[in-house]
Protein backbone atom coordinates (compact mmCIF):
# COMPACT_ATOMS: atom_id res chain seq x y z
CA MET A 1 -8.73 -4.63 -0.87
CA LEU A 2 -7.65 -3.17 -4.55
CA PRO A 3 -7.45 0.48 -4.63
CA ARG A 4 -9.49 2.62 -7.71
CA SER A 5 -8.97 5.09 -10.24
CA GLY A 6 -9.04 8.16 -8.16
CA ASP A 7 -7.79 7.21 -4.62
CA VAL A 8 -5.22 9.16 -3.00
CA LEU A 9 -2.74 6.89 -0.90
CA HIS A 10 0.01 7.24 1.52
CA VAL A 11 2.42 4.88 0.44
CA THR A 12 5.13 4.00 2.75
CA ARG A 13 7.99 1.59 3.49
CA ALA A 14 5.05 -0.77 4.59
CA ALA A 15 3.92 -0.72 0.99
CA SER A 16 7.81 -1.64 -0.43
CA VAL A 17 10.79 -0.69 1.10
CA GLN A 18 11.60 1.10 -1.87
CA PHE A 19 9.45 4.06 -0.04
CA ALA A 20 11.42 4.60 2.57
CA GLU A 21 10.42 8.46 2.16
CA PRO A 22 6.54 8.54 1.85
CA ILE A 23 4.94 9.67 -0.83
CA LEU A 24 1.19 10.65 -2.06
CA PHE A 25 0.23 9.06 -4.55
CA ARG A 26 -3.55 9.26 -7.27
CA VAL A 27 -4.52 6.10 -8.35
CA ILE A 28 -4.89 5.91 -12.53
CA ARG A 29 -4.98 2.25 -12.75
CA VAL A 30 -4.65 -0.92 -11.19
CA HIS A 31 -2.57 -3.69 -13.38
CA ASP A 32 -4.13 -7.29 -13.90
CA TRP A 33 -0.30 -8.42 -14.49
CA THR A 34 0.04 -11.74 -12.36
CA THR A 35 2.12 -10.80 -9.25
CA TYR A 36 3.14 -12.58 -5.81
CA ASP A 37 0.34 -12.92 -3.65
CA GLY A 38 -1.19 -9.54 -2.17
CA TRP A 39 1.38 -6.98 -4.38
CA ALA A 40 0.15 -5.09 -7.49
CA TRP A 41 1.36 -2.60 -9.95
CA LEU A 42 -0.65 0.85 -10.02
CA ASP A 43 -0.32 3.54 -12.18
CA GLY A 44 -0.78 7.17 -11.37
CA TYR A 45 0.72 10.16 -10.07
CA GLU A 46 3.01 10.83 -6.97
CA LEU A 47 1.43 14.35 -5.67
CA ASN A 48 2.84 17.15 -3.87
CA ALA A 49 1.66 18.39 -0.62
CA ALA A 50 -0.86 20.96 -2.11
CA GLY A 51 -2.42 17.69 -3.76
CA ASP A 52 -0.81 18.48 -7.23
CA ALA A 53 0.99 15.77 -9.50
CA VAL A 54 4.37 16.17 -9.70
CA GLU A 55 5.37 13.04 -11.82
CA ARG A 56 3.82 10.07 -13.30
CA ARG A 57 4.65 6.44 -12.17
CA SER A 58 4.10 2.91 -12.18
CA ILE A 59 4.72 1.36 -8.33
CA PHE A 60 5.23 -2.11 -7.76
CA VAL A 61 3.82 -2.43 -3.74
CA GLN A 62 2.33 -4.61 -1.04
CA LEU A 63 -1.51 -3.96 -1.18
CA SER A 64 -1.72 -4.42 2.95
CA GLY A 65 0.38 -1.54 3.35
CA LEU A 66 -1.10 0.88 1.42
CA ARG A 67 -3.54 3.74 3.32
CA GLN A 68 -6.39 5.49 1.55
CA LEU A 69 -6.37 9.20 2.58
CA ARG A 70 -9.68 10.10 1.14
CA PRO A 71 -12.23 8.50 -0.93
CA ASN A 72 -12.62 8.18 -4.50
CA ALA A 73 -14.28 11.87 -5.16
CA GLY A 74 -13.54 12.31 -9.10
CA PRO A 75 -10.81 15.08 -10.34
CA ARG A 76 -9.52 17.12 -7.37
CA GLY A 77 -12.13 16.25 -5.03
CA ARG A 78 -14.53 18.63 -6.80
CA VAL A 79 -18.62 18.11 -6.88
CA VAL A 80 -20.44 19.11 -10.17
CA LYS A 81 -24.18 20.34 -9.39
CA PRO A 82 -26.27 20.13 -12.12
CA THR A 83 -27.25 23.11 -13.57
CA PRO A 84 -30.76 24.01 -14.01
CA VAL A 85 -32.67 23.91 -17.63
CA ARG A 86 -35.02 26.29 -18.54
CA THR A 87 -37.42 24.74 -21.17
CA GLY A 88 -40.37 26.60 -23.30
């Protein structure tokens, strides 16, 4: 299954040998470029331990090696509650 924009992934050596040191990665987009079966180019941000973006990156990974950490919850995982509007 392809990651979606906003997904936070734990990227390790299982996804590609370049990740001997695992990273956290927030997906911006998945490119539709032709690649090897089961691989994809992802654009996104490497995250620090606090979940803050520290570097924008494009990575080439094996999809079966990715682990999703939390579902797509929008910016910073915040839920925006509607504000009541007074009428009349």
